N, C-alpha and C. Protein backbone atom coordinates (compact mmCIF):
# COMPACT_ATOMS: atom_id res chain seq x y z
N UNK A 1 0.85 -1.16 0.00
CA UNK A 1 0.00 0.00 0.00
C UNK A 1 0.90 1.23 0.00
N UNK A 2 0.64 2.13 -0.92
CA UNK A 2 1.42 3.35 -1.02
C UNK A 2 1.14 4.26 0.17
N UNK A 3 -0.12 4.50 0.42
CA UNK A 3 -0.52 5.32 1.56
C UNK A 3 -2.02 5.14 1.79
N UNK A 4 -2.47 5.70 2.89
CA UNK A 4 -3.90 5.71 3.20
C UNK A 4 -4.28 7.17 3.42
N UNK A 5 -5.26 7.62 2.66
CA UNK A 5 -5.80 8.96 2.88
C UNK A 5 -6.90 8.87 3.92
N UNK A 6 -6.97 9.85 4.77
CA UNK A 6 -7.98 9.89 5.82
C UNK A 6 -8.71 11.22 5.72
N UNK A 7 -10.01 11.15 5.53
CA UNK A 7 -10.84 12.36 5.52
C UNK A 7 -11.36 12.56 6.93
N UNK A 8 -11.10 13.74 7.46
CA UNK A 8 -11.43 14.02 8.85
C UNK A 8 -11.72 15.51 8.98
N UNK A 9 -12.90 15.83 9.45
CA UNK A 9 -13.26 17.23 9.65
C UNK A 9 -13.22 18.06 8.38
N UNK A 10 -13.48 17.43 7.24
CA UNK A 10 -13.49 18.13 5.97
C UNK A 10 -12.11 18.31 5.35
N UNK A 11 -11.07 17.83 6.01
CA UNK A 11 -9.71 17.95 5.49
C UNK A 11 -9.16 16.56 5.18
N UNK A 12 -8.19 16.52 4.26
CA UNK A 12 -7.58 15.24 3.91
C UNK A 12 -6.21 15.12 4.57
N UNK A 13 -6.00 14.00 5.21
CA UNK A 13 -4.73 13.66 5.84
C UNK A 13 -4.24 12.37 5.20
N UNK A 14 -3.00 11.99 5.48
CA UNK A 14 -2.50 10.73 4.92
C UNK A 14 -1.57 10.05 5.90
N UNK A 15 -1.41 8.74 5.69
CA UNK A 15 -0.43 7.95 6.42
C UNK A 15 0.33 7.17 5.36
N UNK A 16 1.64 7.41 5.25
CA UNK A 16 2.46 6.75 4.24
C UNK A 16 2.80 5.32 4.62
N UNK A 17 2.93 4.47 3.60
CA UNK A 17 3.29 3.06 3.80
C UNK A 17 2.48 2.45 4.94
N UNK A 18 1.19 2.66 4.88
CA UNK A 18 0.31 2.30 5.99
C UNK A 18 -0.28 0.91 5.86
N UNK A 19 -0.58 0.32 6.99
CA UNK A 19 -1.31 -0.92 7.06
C UNK A 19 -2.78 -0.55 7.32
N UNK A 20 -3.61 -0.68 6.29
CA UNK A 20 -5.02 -0.29 6.39
C UNK A 20 -5.70 -0.99 7.55
N UNK A 21 -5.43 -2.26 7.70
CA UNK A 21 -6.09 -3.02 8.77
C UNK A 21 -5.68 -2.52 10.15
N UNK A 22 -4.44 -2.09 10.32
CA UNK A 22 -4.00 -1.55 11.61
C UNK A 22 -4.70 -0.23 11.92
N UNK A 23 -4.86 0.60 10.89
CA UNK A 23 -5.58 1.87 11.10
C UNK A 23 -7.03 1.59 11.46
N UNK A 24 -7.66 0.67 10.73
CA UNK A 24 -9.05 0.31 11.05
C UNK A 24 -9.15 -0.22 12.47
N UNK A 25 -8.21 -1.07 12.87
CA UNK A 25 -8.24 -1.66 14.22
C UNK A 25 -8.13 -0.57 15.29
N UNK A 26 -7.28 0.43 15.07
CA UNK A 26 -7.13 1.51 16.04
C UNK A 26 -8.43 2.30 16.17
N UNK A 27 -9.08 2.56 15.03
CA UNK A 27 -10.35 3.29 15.07
C UNK A 27 -11.43 2.45 15.71
N UNK A 28 -11.50 1.17 15.35
CA UNK A 28 -12.51 0.28 15.94
C UNK A 28 -12.32 0.14 17.44
N UNK A 29 -11.06 0.12 17.90
CA UNK A 29 -10.80 0.01 19.33
C UNK A 29 -11.33 1.24 20.07
N UNK A 30 -11.14 2.40 19.47
CA UNK A 30 -11.65 3.63 20.09
C UNK A 30 -13.17 3.58 20.21
N UNK A 31 -13.84 3.05 19.20
CA UNK A 31 -15.30 2.93 19.24
C UNK A 31 -15.73 1.87 20.24
N UNK A 32 -15.04 0.72 20.24
CA UNK A 32 -15.42 -0.39 21.10
C UNK A 32 -15.27 -0.05 22.58
N UNK A 33 -14.21 0.71 22.91
CA UNK A 33 -13.97 1.06 24.32
C UNK A 33 -14.66 2.35 24.71
N UNK A 34 -15.33 2.99 23.71
CA UNK A 34 -16.00 4.27 23.96
C UNK A 34 -15.02 5.31 24.50
N UNK A 35 -13.77 5.19 24.02
CA UNK A 35 -12.72 6.07 24.49
C UNK A 35 -11.93 6.62 23.30
N UNK A 36 -11.96 7.92 23.07
CA UNK A 36 -11.23 8.49 21.95
C UNK A 36 -9.74 8.20 22.05
N UNK A 37 -9.07 8.17 20.88
CA UNK A 37 -7.62 8.00 20.86
C UNK A 37 -7.04 8.80 19.71
N UNK A 38 -5.77 9.14 19.84
CA UNK A 38 -5.08 9.93 18.82
C UNK A 38 -4.41 9.01 17.81
N UNK A 39 -4.46 9.41 16.54
CA UNK A 39 -3.78 8.68 15.47
C UNK A 39 -2.85 9.68 14.77
N UNK A 40 -1.59 9.30 14.59
CA UNK A 40 -0.61 10.16 13.91
C UNK A 40 -0.81 10.07 12.40
N UNK A 41 -0.94 11.22 11.77
CA UNK A 41 -1.16 11.33 10.33
C UNK A 41 -0.24 12.42 9.78
N UNK A 42 -0.30 12.62 8.48
CA UNK A 42 0.42 13.72 7.82
C UNK A 42 -0.60 14.67 7.22
N UNK A 43 -0.26 15.94 7.22
CA UNK A 43 -1.12 16.95 6.62
C UNK A 43 -0.30 17.72 5.59
N UNK A 44 -0.87 17.95 4.43
CA UNK A 44 -0.20 18.73 3.40
C UNK A 44 0.42 17.84 2.33
N UNK A 45 0.88 18.50 1.29
CA UNK A 45 1.49 17.79 0.15
C UNK A 45 2.94 18.21 0.02
N UNK A 46 3.70 17.42 -0.70
CA UNK A 46 5.11 17.72 -0.88
C UNK A 46 5.90 17.37 0.36
N UNK A 47 5.92 18.28 1.30
CA UNK A 47 6.61 18.04 2.58
C UNK A 47 5.54 18.01 3.67
N UNK A 48 4.97 16.84 3.90
CA UNK A 48 3.85 16.77 4.85
C UNK A 48 4.25 17.15 6.27
N UNK A 49 3.31 17.74 6.96
CA UNK A 49 3.47 18.14 8.34
C UNK A 49 2.84 17.08 9.24
N UNK A 50 3.56 16.54 10.22
CA UNK A 50 2.94 15.58 11.13
C UNK A 50 1.77 16.22 11.88
N UNK A 51 0.72 15.44 12.06
CA UNK A 51 -0.46 15.92 12.78
C UNK A 51 -1.09 14.74 13.51
N UNK A 52 -1.89 15.01 14.51
CA UNK A 52 -2.63 13.98 15.23
C UNK A 52 -4.11 14.27 15.07
N UNK A 53 -4.89 13.22 14.80
CA UNK A 53 -6.35 13.37 14.75
C UNK A 53 -6.95 12.49 15.84
N UNK A 54 -8.00 12.99 16.44
CA UNK A 54 -8.68 12.29 17.52
C UNK A 54 -9.83 11.48 16.92
N UNK A 55 -9.83 10.17 17.13
CA UNK A 55 -10.91 9.33 16.63
C UNK A 55 -11.64 8.70 17.81
N UNK A 56 -12.93 8.50 17.62
CA UNK A 56 -13.75 7.90 18.66
C UNK A 56 -15.21 8.06 18.32
N UNK A 57 -16.08 7.60 19.21
CA UNK A 57 -17.52 7.67 18.97
C UNK A 57 -17.98 9.09 18.66
N UNK A 58 -18.79 9.22 17.62
CA UNK A 58 -19.34 10.51 17.25
C UNK A 58 -18.42 11.37 16.40
N UNK A 59 -17.25 10.85 16.05
CA UNK A 59 -16.29 11.60 15.24
C UNK A 59 -16.19 10.90 13.89
N UNK A 60 -16.77 11.49 12.83
CA UNK A 60 -16.73 10.82 11.52
C UNK A 60 -15.33 10.84 10.90
N UNK A 61 -14.95 9.72 10.34
CA UNK A 61 -13.65 9.59 9.69
C UNK A 61 -13.81 8.59 8.53
N UNK A 62 -13.13 8.86 7.42
CA UNK A 62 -13.15 7.96 6.27
C UNK A 62 -11.73 7.54 5.95
N UNK A 63 -11.58 6.29 5.52
CA UNK A 63 -10.28 5.76 5.16
C UNK A 63 -10.30 5.41 3.67
N UNK A 64 -9.32 5.93 2.92
CA UNK A 64 -9.25 5.68 1.48
C UNK A 64 -7.87 5.10 1.17
N UNK A 65 -7.76 3.78 0.96
CA UNK A 65 -6.47 3.18 0.62
C UNK A 65 -6.01 3.62 -0.77
N UNK A 66 -4.75 4.02 -0.90
CA UNK A 66 -4.16 4.40 -2.17
C UNK A 66 -3.09 3.36 -2.49
N UNK A 67 -3.34 2.48 -3.47
CA UNK A 67 -2.38 1.41 -3.75
C UNK A 67 -1.12 1.95 -4.41
N UNK A 68 -0.03 1.22 -4.22
CA UNK A 68 1.20 1.56 -4.93
C UNK A 68 1.07 1.11 -6.37
N UNK A 69 1.98 1.53 -7.22
CA UNK A 69 1.95 1.11 -8.61
C UNK A 69 2.09 -0.41 -8.72
N UNK A 70 2.89 -1.01 -7.84
CA UNK A 70 3.04 -2.48 -7.84
C UNK A 70 1.73 -3.17 -7.51
N UNK A 71 0.98 -2.61 -6.54
CA UNK A 71 -0.32 -3.19 -6.18
C UNK A 71 -1.28 -3.14 -7.35
N UNK A 72 -1.29 -2.01 -8.06
CA UNK A 72 -2.19 -1.84 -9.20
C UNK A 72 -1.81 -2.83 -10.31
N UNK A 73 -0.51 -2.98 -10.59
CA UNK A 73 -0.06 -3.91 -11.62
C UNK A 73 -0.42 -5.33 -11.23
N UNK A 74 -0.25 -5.68 -9.96
CA UNK A 74 -0.60 -7.02 -9.48
C UNK A 74 -2.08 -7.29 -9.62
N UNK A 75 -2.91 -6.29 -9.33
CA UNK A 75 -4.36 -6.45 -9.48
C UNK A 75 -4.73 -6.68 -10.93
N UNK A 76 -4.08 -5.97 -11.85
CA UNK A 76 -4.36 -6.13 -13.28
C UNK A 76 -3.97 -7.53 -13.73
N UNK A 77 -2.81 -8.02 -13.25
CA UNK A 77 -2.38 -9.37 -13.60
C UNK A 77 -3.36 -10.41 -13.07
N UNK A 78 -3.83 -10.20 -11.85
CA UNK A 78 -4.79 -11.13 -11.24
C UNK A 78 -6.11 -11.14 -12.02
N UNK A 79 -6.59 -9.97 -12.41
CA UNK A 79 -7.83 -9.90 -13.20
C UNK A 79 -7.67 -10.60 -14.53
N UNK A 80 -6.51 -10.43 -15.19
CA UNK A 80 -6.26 -11.08 -16.48
C UNK A 80 -6.24 -12.59 -16.32
N UNK A 81 -5.67 -13.07 -15.22
CA UNK A 81 -5.62 -14.51 -14.96
C UNK A 81 -7.02 -15.07 -14.74
N UNK A 82 -7.84 -14.36 -13.98
CA UNK A 82 -9.22 -14.80 -13.74
C UNK A 82 -9.99 -14.84 -15.04
N UNK A 83 -9.84 -13.82 -15.87
CA UNK A 83 -10.52 -13.78 -17.17
C UNK A 83 -10.06 -14.93 -18.06
N UNK A 84 -8.77 -15.24 -18.03
CA UNK A 84 -8.25 -16.35 -18.83
C UNK A 84 -8.87 -17.67 -18.38
N UNK A 85 -9.01 -17.86 -17.07
CA UNK A 85 -9.63 -19.10 -16.56
C UNK A 85 -11.09 -19.16 -16.96
N UNK A 86 -11.79 -18.03 -16.91
CA UNK A 86 -13.19 -18.01 -17.32
C UNK A 86 -13.33 -18.37 -18.79
N UNK A 87 -12.46 -17.80 -19.63
CA UNK A 87 -12.52 -18.09 -21.06
C UNK A 87 -12.27 -19.56 -21.32
N UNK A 88 -11.35 -20.14 -20.59
CA UNK A 88 -11.04 -21.56 -20.77
C UNK A 88 -12.24 -22.40 -20.39
N UNK A 89 -12.91 -22.09 -19.31
CA UNK A 89 -14.08 -22.85 -18.89
C UNK A 89 -15.20 -22.76 -19.92
N UNK A 90 -15.40 -21.57 -20.48
CA UNK A 90 -16.45 -21.38 -21.47
C UNK A 90 -16.11 -22.19 -22.72
N UNK A 91 -14.85 -22.19 -23.15
CA UNK A 91 -14.42 -22.94 -24.33
C UNK A 91 -14.58 -24.44 -24.14
N UNK A 92 -14.40 -24.90 -22.88
CA UNK A 92 -14.49 -26.35 -22.62
C UNK A 92 -15.92 -26.86 -22.67
N UNK A 93 -16.87 -25.97 -22.50
CA UNK A 93 -18.28 -26.38 -22.46
C UNK A 93 -18.83 -26.61 -23.79
């Protein structure tokens, strides 16, 4: 994963080389324990500024995974392989 964009309070933040599942787990933990927690993010482009956002119940936040070029190429290869298998099955019938 190249990065994860986070929409929070109408602004866009990011976390580079992020584990989407770890970010989700941190947010879910804040909701499950009914206790807000801080998450370190970056703000700005080019030379991002470190920032902390508070997540917890009643605080809307969106997570947008941004794949790396390698992830995108791998997905395209996987789709082509699935299509090739489908074509083979149709031809065999």
